[in-house]
Amino acid sequence: MSKMGGSILKVNVAVAIVTYIWIHNVAFDIPIFIWTNVHTHIIGPSTIRLCYPEWDGIYLIVARITNFYVPLTIMWISNIGIIYKLKRIMSRVILLYIYISFKS
């Protein structure tokens, strides 16, 4: 019988993937903080100020895709793999329980 719970994605690999994603996000966000021009507007007669950055459209799209959608896709794939593995293990346990209950 094969080892139950064995996985291709070990803890060290998962930690490395999460660390890479964090480093990648920080690397994409640093230029935004350094080179972005910030514009301010005063709203109405009060002293409320509205601040917004001037973005480069292409950089913003690439940053959103790499910082949000790529990690989201990785998490979805990982969760689907976990759910699939749990269903497989549950079906094995149910079949083993049925086999043991009919045997005795």
Protein backbone atom coordinates (compact mmCIF):
# COMPACT_ATOMS: atom_id res chain seq x y z
CA MET A 1 0.00 0.00 0.00
CA SER A 2 1.36 3.45 -0.87
CA LYS A 3 2.01 6.04 1.79
CA MET A 4 -1.15 8.04 2.47
CA GLY A 5 -0.71 11.79 2.50
CA GLY A 6 2.45 11.72 0.38
CA SER A 7 2.64 14.71 -1.88
CA ILE A 8 4.72 16.22 -4.64
CA LEU A 9 4.38 19.65 -3.04
CA LYS A 10 6.41 19.36 0.15
CA VAL A 11 6.54 21.99 2.88
CA ASN A 12 9.93 23.33 1.75
CA VAL A 13 8.66 23.81 -1.80
CA ALA A 14 5.53 25.59 -0.56
CA VAL A 15 7.63 27.90 1.64
CA ALA A 16 9.91 28.66 -1.30
CA ILE A 17 6.93 29.50 -3.54
CA VAL A 18 5.36 31.82 -0.94
CA THR A 19 8.73 33.52 -0.31
CA TYR A 20 9.23 34.03 -4.05
CA ILE A 21 5.77 35.57 -4.39
CA TRP A 22 6.44 38.02 -1.54
CA ILE A 23 9.84 39.02 -2.97
CA HIS A 24 8.28 39.41 -6.40
CA ASN A 25 5.49 41.64 -5.05
CA VAL A 26 7.93 43.86 -3.16
CA ALA A 27 10.15 44.13 -6.25
CA PHE A 28 7.20 45.31 -8.34
CA ASP A 29 5.95 47.76 -5.69
CA ILE A 30 9.26 49.55 -5.01
CA PRO A 31 9.26 51.45 -8.34
CA ILE A 32 5.72 52.61 -7.65
CA PHE A 33 6.80 54.20 -4.37
CA ILE A 34 9.98 55.74 -5.80
CA TRP A 35 9.05 57.07 -9.26
CA THR A 36 5.31 57.77 -9.08
CA ASN A 37 4.18 61.38 -9.36
CA VAL A 38 1.51 62.17 -6.78
CA HIS A 39 -1.10 64.80 -7.60
CA THR A 40 -3.20 66.54 -4.96
CA HIS A 41 -6.49 68.40 -5.27
CA ILE A 42 -8.39 70.33 -2.65
CA ILE A 43 -12.05 69.35 -2.57
CA GLY A 44 -14.58 72.07 -1.77
CA PRO A 45 -14.06 74.92 0.68
CA SER A 46 -12.67 72.63 3.39
CA THR A 47 -9.11 71.36 3.70
CA ILE A 48 -9.86 67.89 2.38
CA ARG A 49 -7.15 66.85 -0.05
CA LEU A 50 -7.49 64.11 -2.64
CA CYS A 51 -4.19 62.44 -3.55
CA TYR A 52 -3.82 60.10 -6.49
CA PRO A 53 -0.80 58.71 -8.33
CA GLU A 54 -0.04 59.19 -12.00
CA TRP A 55 0.33 55.64 -13.31
CA ASP A 56 1.88 54.22 -16.41
CA GLY A 57 -0.88 52.06 -17.89
CA ILE A 58 1.28 49.17 -19.07
CA TYR A 59 3.22 48.94 -15.80
CA LEU A 60 -0.03 48.99 -13.82
CA ILE A 61 -1.50 46.13 -15.87
CA VAL A 62 1.66 44.03 -15.60
CA ALA A 63 1.93 44.72 -11.86
CA ARG A 64 -1.69 43.75 -11.25
CA ILE A 65 -1.36 40.54 -13.21
CA THR A 66 1.88 39.47 -11.57
CA ASN A 67 1.02 40.62 -8.05
CA PHE A 68 -2.58 39.45 -7.85
CA TYR A 69 -3.69 37.10 -10.60
CA VAL A 70 -0.61 34.84 -10.71
CA PRO A 71 -0.68 34.16 -6.92
CA LEU A 72 -4.46 33.76 -7.08
CA THR A 73 -4.12 31.14 -9.83
CA ILE A 74 -1.42 29.31 -7.88
CA MET A 75 -3.64 29.24 -4.78
CA TRP A 76 -6.64 27.98 -6.77
CA ILE A 77 -4.59 25.19 -8.32
CA SER A 78 -3.17 24.25 -4.92
CA ASN A 79 -6.61 24.22 -3.31
CA ILE A 80 -8.05 22.11 -6.12
CA GLY A 81 -5.19 19.64 -5.61
CA ILE A 82 -5.87 19.52 -1.86
CA ILE A 83 -9.61 18.96 -2.38
CA TYR A 84 -8.92 16.22 -4.95
CA LYS A 85 -6.48 14.48 -2.60
CA LEU A 86 -8.93 14.70 0.33
CA LYS A 87 -11.73 13.19 -1.78
CA ARG A 88 -9.43 10.34 -2.83
CA ILE A 89 -8.39 9.66 0.77
CA MET A 90 -11.99 9.85 1.99
CA SER A 91 -13.12 7.33 -0.61
CA ARG A 92 -10.29 4.96 0.40
CA VAL A 93 -11.23 5.27 4.07
CA ILE A 94 -14.91 4.62 3.31
CA LEU A 95 -14.07 1.57 1.21
CA LEU A 96 -11.73 0.28 3.94
CA TYR A 97 -14.45 0.80 6.56
CA ILE A 98 -17.01 -1.05 4.43
CA TYR A 99 -14.54 -3.89 3.82
CA ILE A 100 -13.74 -4.21 7.54
CA SER A 101 -17.40 -4.05 8.62
CA PHE A 102 -18.47 -6.78 6.15
CA LYS A 103 -15.46 -8.95 6.98
CA SER A 104 -16.35 -9.18 10.67
